[in-house]
Amino acid sequence: MYMQQLFSGKRGYLLGFIGSFGLVGLALWIQTRYHLEPCPLCITQRICFMVLGVMFLIGAFVKPATLFGRIATLAQVLAALVGAGWALRHWWIQAHKENMVVDCGVGFDYMFQNFPLKKMFTLIFRGTGDCATIDWTFLGLTIPQLSLIAFIGFGVYAVYLFRVNGK
């Protein structure tokens, strides 16, 4: 009964919003606590979490059964899938780091200021030597692995919220 109330209506979507931005806050805390410099793929995943959070926030203010509500749910699932794709790519780079050319590459800020959008996304997706580095783990899982789990969880959660609230 309590779980149903927690996940019904706006509360469920607001929990998704808080969870998404909470993970970004956690990433920033880990970054400052352990003096880590995020790679371009880490930053991209953070952006995906923020977009997902905004989509959950929008979902809190629309009725799921309406066309706009269905589009909001689709946007939530797509944001989770895109984020999962970036996390999967990051995990793959870390798993194949022995085959990577270990160089620092250019930073995200430099790419954003000096390259066209298409070139910037090509460089981000390819990753850099920084992206192959494993700086921090939790329960034996790397940050991209944890992000992948979170993105999949948020995608399933978005579908669950639609099913519970979309009547």
Protein backbone atom coordinates (compact mmCIF):
# COMPACT_ATOMS: atom_id res chain seq x y z
CA MET A 1 0.00 0.00 0.00
CA TYR A 2 2.75 2.45 0.97
CA MET A 3 4.80 1.54 -2.11
CA GLN A 4 1.80 2.15 -4.34
CA GLN A 5 1.29 5.61 -2.81
CA LEU A 6 4.99 6.35 -3.13
CA PHE A 7 5.03 5.54 -6.83
CA SER A 8 1.68 6.98 -7.80
CA GLY A 9 1.22 10.33 -9.46
CA LYS A 10 3.79 13.06 -9.19
CA ARG A 11 5.75 11.45 -6.34
CA GLY A 12 7.06 8.64 -8.51
CA TYR A 13 8.27 11.00 -11.22
CA LEU A 14 9.78 13.36 -8.67
CA LEU A 15 11.67 10.40 -7.18
CA GLY A 16 13.07 9.72 -10.65
CA PHE A 17 14.10 13.38 -10.92
CA ILE A 18 15.75 13.33 -7.48
CA GLY A 19 17.44 10.00 -8.22
CA SER A 20 18.88 11.18 -11.53
CA PHE A 21 20.25 14.42 -10.17
CA GLY A 22 21.28 12.65 -6.97
CA LEU A 23 23.57 10.42 -9.02
CA VAL A 24 25.11 13.47 -10.67
CA GLY A 25 25.66 14.94 -7.22
CA LEU A 26 27.22 11.68 -6.08
CA ALA A 27 29.55 11.73 -9.09
CA LEU A 28 30.61 15.28 -8.24
CA TRP A 29 31.21 14.27 -4.62
CA ILE A 30 33.34 11.28 -5.70
CA GLN A 31 35.23 13.55 -8.10
CA THR A 32 36.09 16.10 -5.42
CA ARG A 33 36.58 13.61 -2.57
CA TYR A 34 39.08 11.48 -4.50
CA HIS A 35 40.51 14.29 -6.67
CA LEU A 36 39.45 12.62 -9.94
CA GLU A 37 39.25 14.34 -13.30
CA PRO A 38 36.23 13.11 -15.30
CA CYS A 39 36.85 11.94 -18.85
CA PRO A 40 34.64 13.01 -21.79
CA LEU A 41 32.54 9.85 -21.53
CA CYS A 42 31.97 10.44 -17.79
CA ILE A 43 30.77 13.95 -18.52
CA THR A 44 28.52 12.68 -21.30
CA GLN A 45 26.92 10.17 -18.92
CA ARG A 46 26.33 12.95 -16.38
CA ILE A 47 24.60 14.98 -19.07
CA CYS A 48 22.41 11.97 -19.88
CA PHE A 49 21.47 11.64 -16.19
CA MET A 50 20.53 15.34 -16.12
CA VAL A 51 18.42 15.04 -19.30
CA LEU A 52 16.75 11.97 -17.81
CA GLY A 53 16.06 13.91 -14.60
CA VAL A 54 14.46 16.74 -16.54
CA MET A 55 12.32 14.21 -18.44
CA PHE A 56 11.14 12.76 -15.11
CA LEU A 57 10.36 16.28 -13.90
CA ILE A 58 8.29 16.94 -17.02
CA GLY A 59 6.55 13.62 -16.45
CA ALA A 60 5.48 14.80 -13.00
CA PHE A 61 3.40 17.57 -14.53
CA VAL A 62 1.66 15.75 -17.38
CA LYS A 63 -0.94 13.02 -17.29
CA PRO A 64 0.64 9.75 -18.48
CA ALA A 65 -2.49 8.68 -20.41
CA THR A 66 -2.33 11.73 -22.71
CA LEU A 67 -0.29 11.92 -25.90
CA PHE A 68 2.15 14.31 -24.23
CA GLY A 69 2.44 11.92 -21.29
CA ARG A 70 3.28 9.06 -23.63
CA ILE A 71 5.86 11.21 -25.39
CA ALA A 72 7.36 12.11 -21.99
CA THR A 73 7.61 8.40 -21.09
CA LEU A 74 9.20 7.67 -24.46
CA ALA A 75 11.69 10.50 -23.87
CA GLN A 76 12.54 9.06 -20.45
CA VAL A 77 13.16 5.61 -21.88
CA LEU A 78 15.18 7.03 -24.79
CA ALA A 79 17.32 9.14 -22.43
CA ALA A 80 17.98 6.04 -20.34
CA LEU A 81 18.87 4.02 -23.45
CA VAL A 82 21.22 6.70 -24.77
CA GLY A 83 22.89 6.94 -21.37
CA ALA A 84 23.18 3.15 -21.23
CA GLY A 85 24.81 3.20 -24.67
CA TRP A 86 27.43 5.72 -23.54
CA ALA A 87 28.06 3.74 -20.33
CA LEU A 88 28.38 0.52 -22.32
CA ARG A 89 30.87 2.15 -24.68
CA HIS A 90 32.86 3.47 -21.72
CA TRP A 91 32.88 0.02 -20.10
CA TRP A 92 34.04 -1.51 -23.39
CA ILE A 93 36.93 0.97 -23.61
CA GLN A 94 37.98 0.12 -20.06
CA ALA A 95 37.76 -3.61 -20.77
CA HIS A 96 39.97 -3.22 -23.86
CA LYS A 97 42.44 -0.68 -22.48
CA GLU A 98 45.43 -2.81 -23.49
CA ASN A 99 44.44 -2.19 -27.13
CA MET A 100 43.88 1.54 -26.61
CA VAL A 101 46.43 4.15 -27.49
CA VAL A 102 47.17 5.60 -24.09
CA ASP A 103 47.11 9.33 -24.50
CA CYS A 104 45.15 11.93 -22.71
CA GLY A 105 43.56 13.28 -25.84
CA VAL A 106 41.84 16.63 -25.69
CA GLY A 107 39.55 17.65 -22.88
CA PHE A 108 35.79 18.02 -23.13
CA ASP A 109 35.96 21.81 -22.80
CA TYR A 110 38.51 22.06 -25.61
CA MET A 111 36.39 19.84 -27.88
CA PHE A 112 33.26 21.87 -27.16
CA GLN A 113 34.95 25.17 -27.99
CA ASN A 114 37.06 24.15 -30.99
CA PHE A 115 35.34 21.39 -32.94
CA PRO A 116 32.11 21.19 -34.91
CA LEU A 117 29.40 19.19 -33.14
CA LYS A 118 29.78 16.14 -35.40
CA LYS A 119 33.56 15.97 -34.86
CA MET A 120 33.12 16.49 -31.12
CA PHE A 121 30.70 13.55 -30.83
CA THR A 122 33.04 11.39 -32.90
CA LEU A 123 35.92 12.18 -30.52
CA ILE A 124 33.79 11.62 -27.43
CA PHE A 125 32.47 8.28 -28.67
CA ARG A 126 35.95 7.08 -29.54
CA GLY A 127 37.12 7.91 -26.03
CA THR A 128 40.60 8.74 -24.89
CA GLY A 129 43.29 7.16 -22.78
CA ASP A 130 41.64 8.90 -19.84
CA CYS A 131 38.44 6.98 -20.56
CA ALA A 132 40.28 3.66 -20.22
CA THR A 133 41.57 4.50 -16.74
CA ILE A 134 39.75 2.92 -13.81
CA ASP A 135 40.13 5.39 -10.95
CA TRP A 136 37.38 4.28 -8.59
CA THR A 137 35.26 1.18 -7.93
CA PHE A 138 32.39 0.28 -5.63
CA LEU A 139 31.71 -3.38 -4.83
CA GLY A 140 34.13 -4.27 -7.62
CA LEU A 141 32.14 -2.32 -10.21
CA THR A 142 33.59 0.61 -12.16
CA ILE A 143 31.77 3.90 -12.62
CA PRO A 144 30.58 3.03 -16.17
CA GLN A 145 29.27 -0.33 -14.94
CA LEU A 146 27.38 1.37 -12.11
CA SER A 147 26.06 3.97 -14.56
CA LEU A 148 24.88 1.23 -16.93
CA ILE A 149 22.98 -0.45 -14.09
CA ALA A 150 21.44 2.90 -13.10
CA PHE A 151 20.40 3.76 -16.67
CA ILE A 152 18.77 0.36 -17.15
CA GLY A 153 17.05 0.74 -13.79
CA PHE A 154 15.74 4.20 -14.68
CA GLY A 155 14.47 2.93 -18.06
CA VAL A 156 12.57 0.10 -16.35
CA TYR A 157 11.35 2.57 -13.71
CA ALA A 158 9.98 4.91 -16.41
CA VAL A 159 8.00 2.06 -17.97
CA TYR A 160 6.78 1.01 -14.50
CA LEU A 161 5.61 4.55 -13.72
CA PHE A 162 3.74 4.70 -17.01
CA ARG A 163 2.02 1.39 -16.32
CA VAL A 164 1.05 2.36 -12.77
CA ASN A 165 -0.02 5.92 -13.58
CA GLY A 166 -1.14 5.64 -17.20
CA LYS A 167 -4.60 4.24 -16.56
